[in-house]
Amino acid sequence: MKTLNPHQLSGLYVVTPDWDDTAQLVAVTERALQGGANIVQYRHKTASPEFRKTQAKALLELCRRFNKPFIVNDHLELCLEIDADGLHVGGTDISVADARKKLGPDKILGASCYGDLELARTAVSGGASYIAFGGFYPSRIKKYAVTTPASIVGDAVKEFEVPNVVIGGMTLENCQPLLAQGADMVAVISSVYVTEEPELSARAFAGLFAGRQK
């Protein structure tokens, strides 16, 4: 895939669930991409290093076919080894500045900032390509304190030039107030992966961004 301009990051951002069935994971991700998902993040917290590599390579090949960016969650060495398009780091992982030094200037680098603008400032100054806020709503997948105020999106849009993504219990309905405040991307897990029609679910989310100008 050609190097993506970080400022073009937008739309539906799907994050994989902890599925051990690689064939199912790839198949559902493909349907999400067919429906209009714009970015894929591989996240599997309980996989062994070798199994994680196997799944990541399969998903990377899929994303290459669709010419969409493939992001690895947390594992910088895996990102570099398979030449993924980018890395996403959380608050307890490697610092954004250190990750940027190791990744170089061309990889996408995302950072979880939760509900904290100061974390976002540190991430942006450290070289983040995008910043992530949440959780905003309870999630069926991840356990966290739902304390992120919706107003942080508008504040971030005013302060930062890098794109932002919102995450945490996102549905077609509850993400729309965040989009109205200027969210560039909506990250989902269960609202696409745990549905009867992942392609239709992805298409509905992607439709929220149709014709949007920022």
C-alpha atoms as a PDB file:
ATOM      1  CA  MET A   1       0.000   0.000   0.000  1.00  0.00           C
ATOM      2  CA  LYS A   2       1.166   3.510  -0.713  1.00  0.00           C
ATOM      3  CA  THR A   3       2.050   5.620   2.287  1.00  0.00           C
ATOM      4  CA  LEU A   4      -1.146   7.167   3.571  1.00  0.00           C
ATOM      5  CA  ASN A   5      -1.305  10.832   4.425  1.00  0.00           C
ATOM      6  CA  PRO A   6      -2.283  10.799   8.125  1.00  0.00           C
ATOM      7  CA  HIS A   7      -4.667  13.668   7.497  1.00  0.00           C
ATOM      8  CA  GLN A   8      -6.685  11.412   5.192  1.00  0.00           C
ATOM      9  CA  LEU A   9      -7.532   9.046   8.046  1.00  0.00           C
ATOM     10  CA  SER A  10     -11.305   9.032   8.253  1.00  0.00           C
ATOM     11  CA  GLY A  11     -14.405   6.868   8.291  1.00  0.00           C
ATOM     12  CA  LEU A  12     -15.124   3.465   9.788  1.00  0.00           C
ATOM     13  CA  TYR A  13     -12.208   1.994  11.760  1.00  0.00           C
ATOM     14  CA  VAL A  14     -12.753  -1.669  12.633  1.00  0.00           C
ATOM     15  CA  VAL A  15     -10.907  -3.292  15.527  1.00  0.00           C
ATOM     16  CA  THR A  16     -10.758  -7.078  15.601  1.00  0.00           C
ATOM     17  CA  PRO A  17     -12.177  -9.133  18.480  1.00  0.00           C
ATOM     18  CA  ASP A  18     -10.134 -11.824  20.249  1.00  0.00           C
ATOM     19  CA  TRP A  19     -11.113 -14.596  17.848  1.00  0.00           C
ATOM     20  CA  ASP A  20      -8.911 -17.666  17.544  1.00  0.00           C
ATOM     21  CA  ASP A  21     -10.637 -18.836  14.364  1.00  0.00           C
ATOM     22  CA  THR A  22      -8.408 -17.127  11.795  1.00  0.00           C
ATOM     23  CA  ALA A  23     -10.565 -18.099   8.826  1.00  0.00           C
ATOM     24  CA  GLN A  24     -13.616 -16.551  10.472  1.00  0.00           C
ATOM     25  CA  LEU A  25     -11.650 -13.451  11.469  1.00  0.00           C
ATOM     26  CA  VAL A  26     -10.423 -12.887   7.932  1.00  0.00           C
ATOM     27  CA  ALA A  27     -13.815 -13.633   6.383  1.00  0.00           C
ATOM     28  CA  VAL A  28     -15.710 -11.190   8.580  1.00  0.00           C
ATOM     29  CA  THR A  29     -13.017  -8.533   8.174  1.00  0.00           C
ATOM     30  CA  GLU A  30     -13.304  -8.945   4.411  1.00  0.00           C
ATOM     31  CA  ARG A  31     -17.052  -8.369   4.618  1.00  0.00           C
ATOM     32  CA  ALA A  32     -16.412  -5.255   6.707  1.00  0.00           C
ATOM     33  CA  LEU A  33     -14.022  -3.958   4.055  1.00  0.00           C
ATOM     34  CA  GLN A  34     -16.529  -4.747   1.331  1.00  0.00           C
ATOM     35  CA  GLY A  35     -19.021  -2.683   3.293  1.00  0.00           C
ATOM     36  CA  GLY A  36     -16.737   0.324   3.415  1.00  0.00           C
ATOM     37  CA  ALA A  37     -14.471  -0.049   6.450  1.00  0.00           C
ATOM     38  CA  ASN A  38     -11.528   2.268   5.861  1.00  0.00           C
ATOM     39  CA  ILE A  39      -8.995   1.058   8.451  1.00  0.00           C
ATOM     40  CA  VAL A  40      -8.393  -2.287  10.192  1.00  0.00           C
ATOM     41  CA  GLN A  41      -6.684  -2.680  13.558  1.00  0.00           C
ATOM     42  CA  TYR A  42      -5.588  -6.121  14.685  1.00  0.00           C
ATOM     43  CA  ARG A  43      -6.035  -6.546  18.417  1.00  0.00           C
ATOM     44  CA  HIS A  44      -5.796  -9.919  20.144  1.00  0.00           C
ATOM     45  CA  LYS A  45      -4.797  -9.672  23.774  1.00  0.00           C
ATOM     46  CA  THR A  46      -4.521 -13.399  24.561  1.00  0.00           C
ATOM     47  CA  ALA A  47      -2.825 -14.814  21.444  1.00  0.00           C
ATOM     48  CA  SER A  48       0.659 -16.287  21.565  1.00  0.00           C
ATOM     49  CA  PRO A  49       3.336 -14.369  19.649  1.00  0.00           C
ATOM     50  CA  GLU A  50       3.442 -16.931  16.816  1.00  0.00           C
ATOM     51  CA  PHE A  51      -0.339 -17.136  16.507  1.00  0.00           C
ATOM     52  CA  ARG A  52      -0.605 -13.354  16.605  1.00  0.00           C
ATOM     53  CA  LYS A  53       1.911 -13.163  13.763  1.00  0.00           C
ATOM     54  CA  THR A  54      -0.052 -15.711  11.712  1.00  0.00           C
ATOM     55  CA  GLN A  55      -3.307 -13.794  12.105  1.00  0.00           C
ATOM     56  CA  ALA A  56      -1.688 -10.416  11.511  1.00  0.00           C
ATOM     57  CA  LYS A  57      -0.073 -11.582   8.267  1.00  0.00           C
ATOM     58  CA  ALA A  58      -3.374 -12.952   7.005  1.00  0.00           C
ATOM     59  CA  LEU A  59      -5.154  -9.689   7.775  1.00  0.00           C
ATOM     60  CA  LEU A  60      -2.343  -7.622   6.278  1.00  0.00           C
ATOM     61  CA  GLU A  61      -2.637  -9.549   3.013  1.00  0.00           C
ATOM     62  CA  LEU A  62      -6.383  -8.899   3.027  1.00  0.00           C
ATOM     63  CA  CYS A  63      -5.936  -5.172   3.631  1.00  0.00           C
ATOM     64  CA  ARG A  64      -3.358  -4.987   0.845  1.00  0.00           C
ATOM     65  CA  ARG A  65      -5.961  -6.371  -1.558  1.00  0.00           C
ATOM     66  CA  PHE A  66      -8.368  -3.618  -0.552  1.00  0.00           C
ATOM     67  CA  ASN A  67      -5.629  -0.962  -0.403  1.00  0.00           C
ATOM     68  CA  LYS A  68      -6.643  -0.072   3.160  1.00  0.00           C
ATOM     69  CA  PRO A  69      -4.283   0.596   6.076  1.00  0.00           C
ATOM     70  CA  PHE A  70      -3.591  -2.228   8.505  1.00  0.00           C
ATOM     71  CA  ILE A  71      -2.710  -1.244  12.079  1.00  0.00           C
ATOM     72  CA  VAL A  72      -1.233  -3.510  14.769  1.00  0.00           C
ATOM     73  CA  ASN A  73      -2.301  -2.887  18.352  1.00  0.00           C
ATOM     74  CA  ASP A  74       0.494  -2.653  20.940  1.00  0.00           C
ATOM     75  CA  HIS A  75       3.124  -4.905  19.345  1.00  0.00           C
ATOM     76  CA  LEU A  76       5.747  -2.685  17.745  1.00  0.00           C
ATOM     77  CA  GLU A  77       8.130  -5.499  16.798  1.00  0.00           C
ATOM     78  CA  LEU A  78       5.318  -7.371  15.055  1.00  0.00           C
ATOM     79  CA  CYS A  79       4.368  -4.212  13.180  1.00  0.00           C
ATOM     80  CA  LEU A  80       7.931  -3.831  11.927  1.00  0.00           C
ATOM     81  CA  GLU A  81       8.446  -7.533  11.199  1.00  0.00           C
ATOM     82  CA  ILE A  82       5.459  -7.860   8.870  1.00  0.00           C
ATOM     83  CA  ASP A  83       5.707  -4.268   7.600  1.00  0.00           C
ATOM     84  CA  ALA A  84       2.220  -3.291   8.717  1.00  0.00           C
ATOM     85  CA  ASP A  85       1.047   0.201   7.859  1.00  0.00           C
ATOM     86  CA  GLY A  86       1.025   1.355  11.449  1.00  0.00           C
ATOM     87  CA  LEU A  87       0.832   0.813  15.178  1.00  0.00           C
ATOM     88  CA  HIS A  88      -1.650   1.802  17.870  1.00  0.00           C
ATOM     89  CA  VAL A  89      -0.378   2.262  21.424  1.00  0.00           C
ATOM     90  CA  GLY A  90      -2.282   2.550  24.690  1.00  0.00           C
ATOM     91  CA  GLY A  91      -1.519   4.339  27.901  1.00  0.00           C
ATOM     92  CA  THR A  92       0.563   1.503  29.379  1.00  0.00           C
ATOM     93  CA  ASP A  93       2.497   0.645  26.218  1.00  0.00           C
ATOM     94  CA  ILE A  94       5.643   2.195  24.766  1.00  0.00           C
ATOM     95  CA  SER A  95       5.518   5.988  24.670  1.00  0.00           C
ATOM     96  CA  VAL A  96       4.393   7.636  21.452  1.00  0.00           C
ATOM     97  CA  ALA A  97       7.727   9.427  21.074  1.00  0.00           C
ATOM     98  CA  ASP A  98       9.714   6.194  21.475  1.00  0.00           C
ATOM     99  CA  ALA A  99       7.385   4.347  19.114  1.00  0.00           C
ATOM    100  CA  ARG A 100       7.772   7.049  16.479  1.00  0.00           C
ATOM    101  CA  LYS A 101      11.564   6.838  16.696  1.00  0.00           C
ATOM    102  CA  LYS A 102      11.458   3.086  16.081  1.00  0.00           C
ATOM    103  CA  LEU A 103       8.771   3.191  13.408  1.00  0.00           C
ATOM    104  CA  GLY A 104      10.284   6.027  11.411  1.00  0.00           C
ATOM    105  CA  PRO A 105       8.352   8.907   9.879  1.00  0.00           C
ATOM    106  CA  ASP A 106       6.166   7.047   7.382  1.00  0.00           C
ATOM    107  CA  LYS A 107       4.188   4.575   9.515  1.00  0.00           C
ATOM    108  CA  ILE A 108       0.803   5.501  10.919  1.00  0.00           C
ATOM    109  CA  LEU A 109       0.930   5.853  14.712  1.00  0.00           C
ATOM    110  CA  GLY A 110      -2.209   6.074  16.799  1.00  0.00           C
ATOM    111  CA  ALA A 111      -2.465   6.740  20.520  1.00  0.00           C
ATOM    112  CA  SER A 112      -5.183   6.075  23.081  1.00  0.00           C
ATOM    113  CA  CYS A 113      -5.869   9.269  25.009  1.00  0.00           C
ATOM    114  CA  TYR A 114      -9.004   8.133  26.867  1.00  0.00           C
ATOM    115  CA  GLY A 115     -10.656  11.290  28.177  1.00  0.00           C
ATOM    116  CA  ASP A 116      -7.504  13.290  28.725  1.00  0.00           C
ATOM    117  CA  LEU A 117      -6.480  16.215  26.521  1.00  0.00           C
ATOM    118  CA  GLU A 118      -3.075  16.328  28.189  1.00  0.00           C
ATOM    119  CA  LEU A 119      -2.406  12.786  26.984  1.00  0.00           C
ATOM    120  CA  ALA A 120      -3.450  13.946  23.531  1.00  0.00           C
ATOM    121  CA  ARG A 121      -1.012  16.862  23.689  1.00  0.00           C
ATOM    122  CA  THR A 122       1.811  14.506  24.636  1.00  0.00           C
ATOM    123  CA  ALA A 123       0.844  12.097  21.863  1.00  0.00           C
ATOM    124  CA  VAL A 124       0.687  14.779  19.194  1.00  0.00           C
ATOM    125  CA  SER A 125       4.000  16.302  20.261  1.00  0.00           C
ATOM    126  CA  GLY A 126       5.514  12.801  20.213  1.00  0.00           C
ATOM    127  CA  GLY A 127       4.517  12.208  16.608  1.00  0.00           C
ATOM    128  CA  ALA A 128       1.081  10.598  16.688  1.00  0.00           C
ATOM    129  CA  SER A 129      -0.712  10.403  13.338  1.00  0.00           C
ATOM    130  CA  TYR A 130      -4.087  10.296  15.074  1.00  0.00           C
ATOM    131  CA  ILE A 131      -5.471  10.397  18.608  1.00  0.00           C
ATOM    132  CA  ALA A 132      -8.183   8.149  20.059  1.00  0.00           C
ATOM    133  CA  PHE A 133     -10.730   9.110  22.695  1.00  0.00           C
ATOM    134  CA  GLY A 134     -13.018   6.855  24.732  1.00  0.00           C
ATOM    135  CA  GLY A 135     -14.721   4.930  26.024  1.00  0.00           C
ATOM    136  CA  PHE A 136     -17.795   7.006  25.652  1.00  0.00           C
ATOM    137  CA  TYR A 137     -20.347   4.203  26.156  1.00  0.00           C
ATOM    138  CA  PRO A 138     -20.334   0.742  27.752  1.00  0.00           C
ATOM    139  CA  SER A 139     -18.797  -1.940  25.527  1.00  0.00           C
ATOM    140  CA  ARG A 140     -19.693  -5.593  25.110  1.00  0.00           C
ATOM    141  CA  ILE A 141     -16.020  -6.357  24.389  1.00  0.00           C
ATOM    142  CA  LYS A 142     -13.756  -4.193  26.535  1.00  0.00           C
ATOM    143  CA  LYS A 143     -14.101  -3.323  30.214  1.00  0.00           C
ATOM    144  CA  TYR A 144     -13.306   0.255  31.173  1.00  0.00           C
ATOM    145  CA  ALA A 145     -14.659   3.196  33.097  1.00  0.00           C
ATOM    146  CA  VAL A 146     -17.141   5.100  30.941  1.00  0.00           C
ATOM    147  CA  THR A 147     -15.958   8.563  31.912  1.00  0.00           C
ATOM    148  CA  THR A 148     -14.986  10.267  28.652  1.00  0.00           C
ATOM    149  CA  PRO A 149     -17.076  13.426  28.081  1.00  0.00           C
ATOM    150  CA  ALA A 150     -18.490  13.933  24.602  1.00  0.00           C
ATOM    151  CA  SER A 151     -17.239  17.522  24.651  1.00  0.00           C
ATOM    152  CA  ILE A 152     -13.629  16.321  24.369  1.00  0.00           C
ATOM    153  CA  VAL A 153     -14.126  15.734  20.651  1.00  0.00           C
ATOM    154  CA  GLY A 154     -14.981  19.348  19.956  1.00  0.00           C
ATOM    155  CA  ASP A 155     -12.116  20.500  22.162  1.00  0.00           C
ATOM    156  CA  ALA A 156      -9.691  18.250  20.279  1.00  0.00           C
ATOM    157  CA  VAL A 157     -10.863  19.492  16.894  1.00  0.00           C
ATOM    158  CA  LYS A 158     -10.162  23.059  17.983  1.00  0.00           C
ATOM    159  CA  GLU A 159      -6.719  22.287  19.393  1.00  0.00           C
ATOM    160  CA  PHE A 160      -5.175  19.628  17.169  1.00  0.00           C
ATOM    161  CA  GLU A 161      -4.657  19.233  13.450  1.00  0.00           C
ATOM    162  CA  VAL A 162      -4.275  15.440  13.545  1.00  0.00           C
ATOM    163  CA  PRO A 163      -7.411  13.315  13.030  1.00  0.00           C
ATOM    164  CA  ASN A 164      -9.249  11.826  15.978  1.00  0.00           C
ATOM    165  CA  VAL A 165     -11.105   8.559  16.480  1.00  0.00           C
ATOM    166  CA  VAL A 166     -13.846   7.786  18.997  1.00  0.00           C
ATOM    167  CA  ILE A 167     -14.225   4.348  20.545  1.00  0.00           C
ATOM    168  CA  GLY A 168     -16.215   2.529  23.179  1.00  0.00           C
ATOM    169  CA  GLY A 169     -19.630   0.935  22.702  1.00  0.00           C
ATOM    170  CA  MET A 170     -20.189   2.681  19.386  1.00  0.00           C
ATOM    171  CA  THR A 171     -23.488   2.119  17.603  1.00  0.00           C
ATOM    172  CA  LEU A 172     -24.991   3.781  14.547  1.00  0.00           C
ATOM    173  CA  GLU A 173     -27.102   5.946  16.813  1.00  0.00           C
ATOM    174  CA  ASN A 174     -24.811   6.918  19.671  1.00  0.00           C
ATOM    175  CA  CYS A 175     -21.800   7.810  17.522  1.00  0.00           C
ATOM    176  CA  GLN A 176     -23.657  10.536  15.648  1.00  0.00           C
ATOM    177  CA  PRO A 177     -23.406  13.237  18.359  1.00  0.00           C
ATOM    178  CA  LEU A 178     -19.639  12.641  18.360  1.00  0.00           C
ATOM    179  CA  LEU A 179     -19.493  12.924  14.587  1.00  0.00           C
ATOM    180  CA  ALA A 180     -21.418  16.169  14.857  1.00  0.00           C
ATOM    181  CA  GLN A 181     -18.643  17.501  17.098  1.00  0.00           C
ATOM    182  CA  GLY A 182     -16.037  16.630  14.485  1.00  0.00           C
ATOM    183  CA  ALA A 183     -14.911  13.040  15.070  1.00  0.00           C
ATOM    184  CA  ASP A 184     -12.954  11.886  12.015  1.00  0.00           C
ATOM    185  CA  MET A 185     -13.258   8.151  12.630  1.00  0.00           C
ATOM    186  CA  VAL A 186     -15.534   5.788  14.541  1.00  0.00           C
ATOM    187  CA  ALA A 187     -13.868   2.627  15.877  1.00  0.00           C
ATOM    188  CA  VAL A 188     -16.094  -0.409  16.321  1.00  0.00           C
ATOM    189  CA  ILE A 189     -15.732  -4.027  17.310  1.00  0.00           C
ATOM    190  CA  SER A 190     -19.033  -5.694  18.157  1.00  0.00           C
ATOM    191  CA  SER A 191     -21.208  -3.371  16.060  1.00  0.00           C
ATOM    192  CA  VAL A 192     -19.660  -4.949  12.969  1.00  0.00           C
ATOM    193  CA  TYR A 193     -18.063  -8.239  14.029  1.00  0.00           C
ATOM    194  CA  VAL A 194     -20.886  -9.470  16.252  1.00  0.00           C
ATOM    195  CA  THR A 195     -23.754  -8.880  13.830  1.00  0.00           C
ATOM    196  CA  GLU A 196     -25.646 -11.114  11.421  1.00  0.00           C
ATOM    197  CA  GLU A 197     -24.631  -8.991   8.422  1.00  0.00           C
ATOM    198  CA  PRO A 198     -21.158  -7.461   8.955  1.00  0.00           C
ATOM    199  CA  GLU A 199     -21.047  -6.012   5.443  1.00  0.00           C
ATOM    200  CA  LEU A 200     -24.380  -4.229   5.867  1.00  0.00           C
ATOM    201  CA  SER A 201     -23.382  -2.998   9.314  1.00  0.00           C
ATOM    202  CA  ALA A 202     -20.121  -1.604   7.945  1.00  0.00           C
ATOM    203  CA  ARG A 203     -21.953   0.009   5.041  1.00  0.00           C
ATOM    204  CA  ALA A 204     -24.325   1.756   7.423  1.00  0.00           C
ATOM    205  CA  PHE A 205     -21.420   3.193   9.433  1.00  0.00           C
ATOM    206  CA  ALA A 206     -19.541   4.179   6.287  1.00  0.00           C
ATOM    207  CA  GLY A 207     -22.657   5.944   5.067  1.00  0.00           C
ATOM    208  CA  LEU A 208     -22.438   8.338   8.012  1.00  0.00           C
ATOM    209  CA  PHE A 209     -19.282   9.756   6.442  1.00  0.00           C
ATOM    210  CA  ALA A 210     -20.568  10.039   2.874  1.00  0.00           C
ATOM    211  CA  GLY A 211     -20.037  13.498   1.467  1.00  0.00           C
ATOM    212  CA  ARG A 212     -18.411  14.747   4.653  1.00  0.00           C
ATOM    213  CA  GLN A 213     -15.953  17.607   4.308  1.00  0.00           C
ATOM    214  CA  LYS A 214     -13.426  18.582   6.986  1.00  0.00           C
END
